[in-house]
Amino acid sequence: MTADHQSAENRGAMFLFTTLILIYAASYFQRTVMPGTFYNEFQLLGWNAEQIAGIGAAYIYAYSIPQVFSGILIDRYCGSRVVAAGGLIFVIGTSLTPFCTELWQLYVCRALTGVGSSTMYLSLVKETDRLFGRARYATLFGIAYCCGYGGGLCGKLPFTSMHDSITWQGVMLVAGIAAMVFYLMFLAAKSRTVMPPVAQAKNMLKDGIGILKNRYSWMLIFCSTVNFSIYFIIQTVFGEKFLMDFAGISGVAASGVIMAMTLVCMLSLLSAGVLIKISGNRRKPWIIAATGLCLLNSVLMILGICCKFHGSFFATVYLLYALSAGVPAIFAMLMQELNSRSVMTVSTAFSNSCGYLAVAVFSPLIGKVLMHFGGSVVNNVKVYSASGYLAVFIIAGAIAAVSFLVSFFLPETRGVYRKN
């Protein structure tokens, strides 16, 4: 292979990687923008907390349930081929969302968007490894994660400011057009890149059972799920509402705090490769630190609500939640290494699926808890009680405590797969 040919191949790989990141960022925007950013507007439409939480749940269920199936397809056909199909479903869902006039229509479109999005993250998992190798995996995967979270960042303050001038449908129309452009860019990059041969069919059921029979897989899935779901539910479901209801922070300022959470998480993601290097290629210390910080944050939130601390205290704890959630690349790498490289995408899919299923299950339950404790109506908007929010964080703290204890029993891999 000539140097020019190798250089062209490297440029093609980087262009494909970049477009995958862009469409992943678009999918992450869709994850974070609803329902939190439009919560009060949805309330004015007469929808209660449980119905509004269901908007997010419709997306999350549709995203999480196909994860394992997507992982199987990606391990065999490669991520780019699967994104070509999943991206089309994603674009259809995002394009139809702005035209929804009924709640059930919004549920359907969010579900379509979720199904398409379910191929994005796992494809990046596989394509980063395929295109650049394991030696550069932690750094590049951290960058991909960071840029993807940038999509979630756009779902907060920038689009909240836009939302002050136009309706939620207008915001989602802009997002739908952007998703379509990114998808077309991806198709162009894919057409210019040589795809790998289709892998030989394997007994995926046997491989899947092997992952599920590994007790360490379940322990890590539990820790990862708790850390991620607490952070994500705060970021997308009730965190912004809590700051406005209890902490006395304005809507724009609350969106700014949520945006800052995403920024902190992005910076943490970029540090994954450095953290692994300075700890002698260890994964476990950072997982223990992340689960411990998640527990500490929940305790601080309980204390803050009981003592009625200033809004800045809660904003600071939110940023600490983001810091504790900033090591998903390390969780993903350990999950892969606890199993086999041949099923790296499927093993990651199990973990990712459980995380989002937890979000889908607990989001409506949080709505029920908040409704159970009642509140008041101010300017036609429901303001939930302090007791309701306190109950939510007590539940989160109890689960985080179990996760912290479990993390001590995880094995250390130092980048070596336990199974060949």
Protein backbone atom coordinates (compact mmCIF):
# COMPACT_ATOMS: atom_id res chain seq x y z
CA MET A 1 0.00 0.00 0.00
CA THR A 2 1.43 3.36 -1.02
CA ALA A 3 1.76 6.26 1.39
CA ASP A 4 -0.77 8.29 -0.61
CA HIS A 5 -3.27 5.45 -0.54
CA GLN A 6 -2.77 5.00 3.22
CA SER A 7 -3.22 8.73 3.77
CA ALA A 8 -6.46 8.76 1.76
CA GLU A 9 -7.71 5.76 3.71
CA ASN A 10 -6.94 7.49 7.01
CA ARG A 11 -8.77 10.63 5.88
CA GLY A 12 -11.75 8.54 4.85
CA ALA A 13 -11.80 6.81 8.22
CA MET A 14 -11.63 10.13 10.05
CA PHE A 15 -14.42 11.63 7.90
CA LEU A 16 -16.62 8.60 8.58
CA PHE A 17 -15.82 8.80 12.30
CA THR A 18 -16.66 12.52 12.34
CA THR A 19 -20.05 12.04 10.67
CA LEU A 20 -20.87 9.19 13.06
CA ILE A 21 -20.11 11.55 15.95
CA LEU A 22 -22.38 14.24 14.44
CA ILE A 23 -25.34 11.93 14.03
CA TYR A 24 -24.70 10.51 17.51
CA ALA A 25 -24.73 14.08 18.86
CA ALA A 26 -28.07 14.64 17.10
CA SER A 27 -29.46 11.52 18.75
CA TYR A 28 -28.19 12.65 22.16
CA PHE A 29 -29.89 16.01 21.65
CA GLN A 30 -33.16 14.15 21.12
CA ARG A 31 -32.57 12.25 24.36
CA THR A 32 -32.10 15.34 26.49
CA VAL A 33 -34.36 17.99 24.98
CA MET A 34 -37.63 16.32 25.99
CA PRO A 35 -39.45 16.61 28.26
CA GLY A 36 -37.36 18.83 30.55
CA THR A 37 -36.77 21.83 28.28
CA PHE A 38 -40.49 22.12 27.43
CA TYR A 39 -41.88 20.95 30.80
CA ASN A 40 -43.87 24.09 31.65
CA GLU A 41 -45.23 24.44 28.12
CA PHE A 42 -46.45 20.84 28.23
CA GLN A 43 -48.14 21.56 31.56
CA LEU A 44 -50.02 24.45 29.94
CA LEU A 45 -51.36 21.93 27.41
CA GLY A 46 -53.03 20.16 30.36
CA TRP A 47 -50.61 17.24 30.63
CA ASN A 48 -49.70 16.06 34.15
CA ALA A 49 -46.29 14.99 35.48
CA GLU A 50 -46.84 11.32 34.66
CA GLN A 51 -47.91 12.07 31.07
CA ILE A 52 -44.97 14.42 30.54
CA ALA A 53 -42.54 11.86 31.94
CA GLY A 54 -44.07 9.40 29.49
CA ILE A 55 -42.78 11.51 26.58
CA GLY A 56 -39.24 10.78 27.73
CA ALA A 57 -40.12 7.18 28.59
CA ALA A 58 -41.48 6.52 25.07
CA TYR A 59 -38.10 7.47 23.63
CA ILE A 60 -36.09 5.60 26.24
CA TYR A 61 -38.04 2.32 25.99
CA ALA A 62 -37.75 2.40 22.20
CA TYR A 63 -34.04 3.19 22.53
CA SER A 64 -33.13 0.60 25.14
CA ILE A 65 -35.16 -2.48 24.16
CA PRO A 66 -33.53 -2.99 20.69
CA GLN A 67 -30.00 -2.44 22.06
CA VAL A 68 -28.97 -6.09 22.24
CA PHE A 69 -30.41 -6.82 18.79
CA SER A 70 -28.54 -3.77 17.43
CA GLY A 71 -25.35 -5.02 19.07
CA ILE A 72 -25.71 -8.41 17.38
CA LEU A 73 -26.19 -6.78 13.98
CA ILE A 74 -23.26 -4.41 14.52
CA ASP A 75 -20.88 -7.21 15.57
CA ARG A 76 -21.71 -9.01 12.34
CA TYR A 77 -22.31 -6.29 9.74
CA CYS A 78 -20.25 -3.38 11.24
CA GLY A 79 -21.59 -0.17 12.72
CA SER A 80 -21.72 1.92 9.56
CA ARG A 81 -24.04 -0.48 7.75
CA VAL A 82 -26.40 -0.59 10.72
CA VAL A 83 -26.43 3.21 11.14
CA ALA A 84 -27.39 3.55 7.47
CA ALA A 85 -30.65 1.75 8.28
CA GLY A 86 -31.17 3.04 11.82
CA GLY A 87 -30.37 6.60 10.79
CA LEU A 88 -33.24 6.59 8.31
CA ILE A 89 -35.72 5.64 11.07
CA PHE A 90 -34.17 8.30 13.29
CA VAL A 91 -34.60 11.02 10.64
CA ILE A 92 -38.24 10.02 10.04
CA GLY A 93 -38.98 10.28 13.78
CA THR A 94 -37.26 13.64 14.23
CA SER A 95 -38.84 15.08 11.09
CA LEU A 96 -42.39 14.17 12.17
CA THR A 97 -42.07 15.30 15.81
CA PRO A 98 -42.68 19.05 15.17
CA PHE A 99 -46.00 18.26 13.48
CA CYS A 100 -47.50 16.38 16.45
CA THR A 101 -50.69 17.93 17.81
CA GLU A 102 -51.76 15.15 20.20
CA LEU A 103 -49.93 13.44 23.06
CA TRP A 104 -50.22 9.97 21.48
CA GLN A 105 -48.67 11.29 18.25
CA LEU A 106 -45.73 12.65 20.23
CA TYR A 107 -45.31 9.27 21.93
CA VAL A 108 -45.19 7.51 18.54
CA CYS A 109 -42.66 9.93 17.05
CA ARG A 110 -40.46 9.78 20.15
CA ALA A 111 -40.53 5.99 19.91
CA LEU A 112 -39.48 6.08 16.24
CA THR A 113 -36.65 8.47 17.12
CA GLY A 114 -35.58 6.15 19.94
CA VAL A 115 -35.48 3.05 17.72
CA GLY A 116 -33.26 4.85 15.21
CA SER A 117 -31.04 6.25 17.95
CA SER A 118 -30.46 2.78 19.38
CA THR A 119 -27.94 2.08 16.60
CA MET A 120 -25.79 5.20 17.07
CA TYR A 121 -23.86 4.68 20.31
CA LEU A 122 -23.11 1.01 19.77
CA SER A 123 -21.93 1.69 16.24
CA LEU A 124 -19.43 4.19 17.62
CA VAL A 125 -18.26 1.55 20.10
CA LYS A 126 -17.50 -0.84 17.25
CA GLU A 127 -16.29 1.61 14.61
CA THR A 128 -13.86 3.37 16.95
CA ASP A 129 -12.20 0.02 17.65
CA ARG A 130 -12.33 -1.08 13.98
CA LEU A 131 -11.03 2.15 12.48
CA PHE A 132 -8.34 3.10 15.02
CA GLY A 133 -7.47 0.03 17.13
CA ARG A 134 -7.47 -0.62 20.88
CA ALA A 135 -4.37 1.46 21.65
CA ARG A 136 -6.18 4.71 20.77
CA TYR A 137 -9.60 3.50 21.85
CA ALA A 138 -9.94 5.20 25.25
CA THR A 139 -8.88 8.61 23.94
CA LEU A 140 -10.94 8.59 20.74
CA PHE A 141 -13.97 7.00 22.38
CA GLY A 142 -13.80 9.66 25.08
CA ILE A 143 -13.75 12.34 22.36
CA ALA A 144 -16.73 10.70 20.62
CA TYR A 145 -18.62 10.54 23.92
CA CYS A 146 -17.75 14.17 24.63
CA CYS A 147 -18.99 15.38 21.24
CA GLY A 148 -22.13 13.28 21.60
CA TYR A 149 -22.85 14.92 24.93
CA GLY A 150 -22.38 18.21 23.11
CA GLY A 151 -25.67 17.39 21.40
CA GLY A 152 -27.25 17.15 24.83
CA LEU A 153 -25.66 20.49 25.67
CA CYS A 154 -27.45 22.09 22.71
CA GLY A 155 -30.69 20.66 24.09
CA LYS A 156 -30.45 22.97 27.07
CA LEU A 157 -29.50 26.65 27.21
CA PRO A 158 -29.10 27.45 23.46
CA PHE A 159 -32.42 25.87 22.59
CA THR A 160 -34.08 27.20 25.74
CA SER A 161 -33.16 30.69 24.54
CA MET A 162 -34.62 29.86 21.12
CA HIS A 163 -37.68 28.51 22.89
CA ASP A 164 -38.29 31.97 24.35
CA SER A 165 -38.99 33.23 20.81
CA ILE A 166 -40.60 30.23 19.11
CA THR A 167 -42.69 27.24 20.16
CA TRP A 168 -41.37 23.79 21.02
CA GLN A 169 -42.44 22.66 17.54
CA GLY A 170 -40.17 25.30 16.00
CA VAL A 171 -37.23 24.14 18.09
CA MET A 172 -37.80 20.52 17.09
CA LEU A 173 -38.14 21.48 13.41
CA VAL A 174 -34.66 23.02 13.48
CA ALA A 175 -33.35 19.88 15.20
CA GLY A 176 -35.01 17.65 12.61
CA ILE A 177 -33.41 19.53 9.72
CA ALA A 178 -29.98 19.29 11.39
CA ALA A 179 -30.42 15.53 11.88
CA MET A 180 -31.26 15.09 8.20
CA VAL A 181 -28.17 17.03 7.11
CA PHE A 182 -25.90 14.97 9.40
CA TYR A 183 -27.42 11.73 8.10
CA LEU A 184 -26.78 12.72 4.47
CA MET A 185 -23.18 13.62 5.38
CA PHE A 186 -22.79 10.19 6.95
CA LEU A 187 -24.11 8.44 3.83
CA ALA A 188 -21.61 10.40 1.73
CA ALA A 189 -18.74 9.39 4.04
CA LYS A 190 -19.85 5.75 4.06
CA SER A 191 -19.93 5.63 0.25
CA ARG A 192 -16.28 6.76 0.16
CA THR A 193 -15.05 4.25 2.74
CA VAL A 194 -14.33 0.56 2.20
CA MET A 195 -16.60 -1.51 4.43
CA PRO A 196 -15.27 -4.66 6.13
CA PRO A 197 -16.57 -8.08 5.06
CA VAL A 198 -19.65 -9.38 6.84
CA ALA A 199 -18.55 -11.53 9.78
CA GLN A 200 -19.34 -15.22 9.80
CA ALA A 201 -22.62 -16.01 11.51
CA LYS A 202 -22.08 -17.07 15.13
CA ASN A 203 -24.23 -18.55 17.82
CA MET A 204 -25.23 -15.20 19.26
CA LEU A 205 -27.66 -16.79 21.69
CA LYS A 206 -24.81 -18.76 23.24
CA ASP A 207 -22.61 -15.65 23.38
CA GLY A 208 -25.43 -13.65 24.96
CA ILE A 209 -26.07 -16.32 27.57
CA GLY A 210 -22.34 -16.33 28.33
CA ILE A 211 -22.45 -12.60 29.06
CA LEU A 212 -25.51 -13.00 31.28
CA LYS A 213 -24.00 -15.94 33.18
CA ASN A 214 -20.98 -13.82 34.10
CA ARG A 215 -21.80 -12.48 37.57
CA TYR A 216 -19.30 -9.66 37.15
CA SER A 217 -21.27 -8.46 34.13
CA TRP A 218 -24.34 -8.01 36.31
CA MET A 219 -22.41 -6.31 39.07
CA LEU A 220 -20.91 -3.80 36.65
CA ILE A 221 -24.26 -3.31 34.88
CA PHE A 222 -25.86 -2.47 38.22
CA CYS A 223 -23.19 0.11 39.12
CA SER A 224 -23.22 1.66 35.65
CA THR A 225 -27.02 1.76 35.56
CA VAL A 226 -27.33 3.49 38.92
CA ASN A 227 -24.71 6.14 38.14
CA PHE A 228 -26.06 6.89 34.70
CA SER A 229 -29.79 6.79 35.42
CA ILE A 230 -29.63 9.12 38.43
CA TYR A 231 -27.62 11.67 36.44
CA PHE A 232 -29.72 11.35 33.29
CA ILE A 233 -33.09 11.59 35.06
CA ILE A 234 -31.93 14.73 36.87
CA GLN A 235 -30.67 16.19 33.61
CA THR A 236 -33.67 15.40 31.43
CA VAL A 237 -36.76 14.80 33.60
CA PHE A 238 -37.06 16.74 36.85
CA GLY A 239 -33.72 18.43 37.62
CA GLU A 240 -34.55 21.70 35.90
CA LYS A 241 -38.04 21.68 37.43
CA PHE A 242 -36.60 21.12 40.94
CA LEU A 243 -34.31 24.14 40.62
CA MET A 244 -37.27 26.33 39.67
CA ASP A 245 -39.76 24.86 42.18
CA PHE A 246 -37.59 24.51 45.28
CA ALA A 247 -34.33 26.41 44.77
CA GLY A 248 -35.98 29.57 43.43
CA ILE A 249 -33.87 29.64 40.26
CA SER A 250 -35.32 31.15 37.07
CA GLY A 251 -36.03 29.01 34.03
CA VAL A 252 -33.10 30.36 32.01
CA ALA A 253 -30.70 30.03 34.96
CA ALA A 254 -31.92 26.48 35.62
CA SER A 255 -31.26 25.61 31.96
CA GLY A 256 -27.81 27.11 32.40
CA VAL A 257 -27.14 24.77 35.34
CA ILE A 258 -28.25 21.76 33.29
CA MET A 259 -26.01 22.94 30.46
CA ALA A 260 -23.12 23.27 32.91
CA MET A 261 -23.78 19.69 34.03
CA THR A 262 -23.29 18.57 30.44
CA LEU A 263 -20.07 20.62 30.14
CA VAL A 264 -18.63 19.06 33.29
CA CYS A 265 -19.57 15.59 32.08
CA MET A 266 -17.95 16.31 28.69
CA LEU A 267 -14.70 17.41 30.32
CA SER A 268 -14.73 14.26 32.44
CA LEU A 269 -15.24 12.16 29.31
CA LEU A 270 -12.19 13.71 27.68
CA SER A 271 -10.11 12.71 30.68
CA ALA A 272 -10.87 8.95 30.43
CA GLY A 273 -7.65 8.10 28.59
CA VAL A 274 -5.54 10.20 30.97
CA LEU A 275 -7.16 8.70 34.08
CA ILE A 276 -6.49 5.17 32.86
CA LYS A 277 -2.87 6.02 32.01
CA ILE A 278 -2.01 7.67 35.33
CA SER A 279 -3.54 4.78 37.29
CA GLY A 280 -1.43 2.13 35.57
CA ASN A 281 -4.15 1.04 33.11
CA ARG A 282 -6.58 0.37 35.97
CA ARG A 283 -10.34 0.71 35.64
CA LYS A 284 -11.67 -0.25 39.07
CA PRO A 285 -10.44 2.77 41.14
CA TRP A 286 -12.31 5.18 38.90
CA ILE A 287 -15.51 3.15 39.05
CA ILE A 288 -15.34 3.09 42.86
CA ALA A 289 -14.72 6.84 42.87
CA ALA A 290 -17.68 7.45 40.53
CA THR A 291 -20.15 5.35 42.55
CA GLY A 292 -18.91 6.89 45.82
CA LEU A 293 -19.38 10.41 44.49
CA CYS A 294 -22.89 9.56 43.28
CA LEU A 295 -23.78 8.42 46.82
CA LEU A 296 -22.24 11.54 48.36
CA ASN A 297 -24.21 13.77 46.00
CA SER A 298 -27.51 12.14 46.97
CA VAL A 299 -26.73 12.63 50.65
CA LEU A 300 -25.90 16.29 50.00
CA MET A 301 -29.19 16.81 48.14
CA ILE A 302 -31.14 15.32 51.06
CA LEU A 303 -29.25 17.55 53.48
CA GLY A 304 -29.80 20.61 51.30
CA ILE A 305 -33.55 20.06 51.04
CA CYS A 306 -33.92 19.44 54.78
CA CYS A 307 -31.89 22.55 55.65
CA LYS A 308 -33.29 24.70 52.80
CA PHE A 309 -29.89 25.67 51.44
CA HIS A 310 -29.40 28.38 48.82
CA GLY A 311 -29.97 27.53 45.14
CA SER A 312 -26.22 27.73 44.43
CA PHE A 313 -25.67 24.74 46.73
CA PHE A 314 -27.97 22.56 44.62
CA ALA A 315 -26.40 23.83 41.41
CA THR A 316 -22.98 22.79 42.75
CA VAL A 317 -24.22 19.31 43.68
CA TYR A 318 -25.69 18.94 40.20
CA LEU A 319 -22.21 19.56 38.79
CA LEU A 320 -20.83 16.88 41.10
CA TYR A 321 -23.47 14.47 39.77
CA ALA A 322 -22.18 15.25 36.29
CA LEU A 323 -18.62 14.53 37.43
CA SER A 324 -19.67 11.16 38.85
CA ALA A 325 -21.35 10.29 35.53
CA GLY A 326 -18.31 11.28 33.46
CA VAL A 327 -16.66 7.86 33.21
CA PRO A 328 -18.97 5.85 30.89
CA ALA A 329 -16.05 5.04 28.60
CA ILE A 330 -14.31 3.31 31.52
CA PHE A 331 -17.50 1.43 32.44
CA ALA A 332 -17.86 0.35 28.80
CA MET A 333 -14.24 -0.79 28.50
CA LEU A 334 -14.45 -2.86 31.68
CA MET A 335 -17.72 -4.43 30.52
CA GLN A 336 -16.09 -5.45 27.23
CA GLU A 337 -13.00 -6.82 28.97
CA LEU A 338 -15.01 -8.83 31.47
CA ASN A 339 -16.29 -10.78 28.47
CA SER A 340 -14.91 -11.46 24.98
CA ARG A 341 -13.69 -9.08 22.27
CA SER A 342 -15.80 -10.96 19.70
CA VAL A 343 -18.95 -9.81 21.51
CA MET A 344 -17.70 -6.39 22.65
CA THR A 345 -20.70 -4.60 21.13
CA VAL A 346 -23.26 -7.04 22.52
CA SER A 347 -21.77 -6.85 26.02
CA THR A 348 -21.82 -3.04 25.84
CA ALA A 349 -25.40 -3.24 24.55
CA PHE A 350 -26.54 -5.19 27.62
CA SER A 351 -25.07 -2.54 29.91
CA ASN A 352 -26.37 0.40 27.89
CA SER A 353 -29.82 -1.15 27.55
CA CYS A 354 -30.16 -1.65 31.30
CA GLY A 355 -29.16 1.96 31.94
CA TYR A 356 -31.83 3.36 29.67
CA LEU A 357 -34.47 0.86 30.78
CA ALA A 358 -33.90 2.09 34.32
CA VAL A 359 -34.46 5.65 33.09
CA ALA A 360 -37.65 4.60 31.30
CA VAL A 361 -38.99 2.75 34.35
CA PHE A 362 -38.09 5.31 37.01
CA SER A 363 -39.02 8.49 35.10
CA PRO A 364 -42.80 7.90 35.33
CA LEU A 365 -42.41 6.58 38.90
CA ILE A 366 -40.76 9.85 39.88
CA GLY A 367 -43.72 11.64 38.34
CA LYS A 368 -46.03 9.52 40.51
CA VAL A 369 -43.99 10.30 43.65
CA LEU A 370 -44.09 14.05 42.97
CA MET A 371 -47.83 13.92 42.29
CA HIS A 372 -48.42 11.86 45.45
CA PHE A 373 -46.88 14.54 47.67
CA GLY A 374 -48.85 17.27 45.92
CA GLY A 375 -47.92 20.93 45.67
CA SER A 376 -49.45 24.20 44.53
CA VAL A 377 -50.41 25.93 41.28
CA VAL A 378 -48.64 29.19 40.42
CA ASN A 379 -49.53 30.99 37.16
CA ASN A 380 -51.24 27.81 35.91
CA VAL A 381 -48.02 25.82 36.44
CA LYS A 382 -47.74 23.02 39.01
CA VAL A 383 -45.08 23.57 41.68
CA TYR A 384 -44.24 20.30 43.45
CA SER A 385 -43.65 20.08 47.19
CA ALA A 386 -40.31 19.82 48.98
CA SER A 387 -41.48 16.53 50.51
CA GLY A 388 -41.87 15.02 47.04
CA TYR A 389 -38.39 16.01 45.96
CA LEU A 390 -36.96 14.80 49.29
CA ALA A 391 -38.55 11.38 48.77
CA VAL A 392 -37.02 11.16 45.29
CA PHE A 393 -33.48 11.84 46.53
CA ILE A 394 -33.85 9.46 49.49
CA ILE A 395 -34.69 6.68 47.04
CA ALA A 396 -31.75 7.69 44.83
CA GLY A 397 -29.40 7.71 47.83
CA ALA A 398 -30.45 4.25 48.99
CA ILE A 399 -29.84 2.75 45.55
CA ALA A 400 -26.52 4.61 45.18
CA ALA A 401 -25.34 3.20 48.52
CA VAL A 402 -25.83 -0.38 47.26
CA SER A 403 -24.03 0.48 44.01
CA PHE A 404 -21.05 1.89 45.92
CA LEU A 405 -20.71 -1.31 47.97
CA VAL A 406 -21.00 -3.55 44.89
CA SER A 407 -18.23 -1.64 43.07
CA PHE A 408 -15.63 -2.89 45.57
CA PHE A 409 -16.21 -6.49 44.43
CA LEU A 410 -15.53 -5.86 40.73
CA PRO A 411 -12.33 -7.38 39.29
CA GLU A 412 -9.53 -5.38 37.67
CA THR A 413 -8.72 -6.15 34.02
CA ARG A 414 -5.99 -3.60 33.12
CA GLY A 415 -7.08 -3.76 29.49
CA VAL A 416 -6.89 -7.55 29.18
CA TYR A 417 -9.93 -9.52 28.05
CA ARG A 418 -10.86 -12.27 30.49
CA LYS A 419 -11.99 -14.48 27.59
CA ASN A 420 -10.33 -14.87 24.21
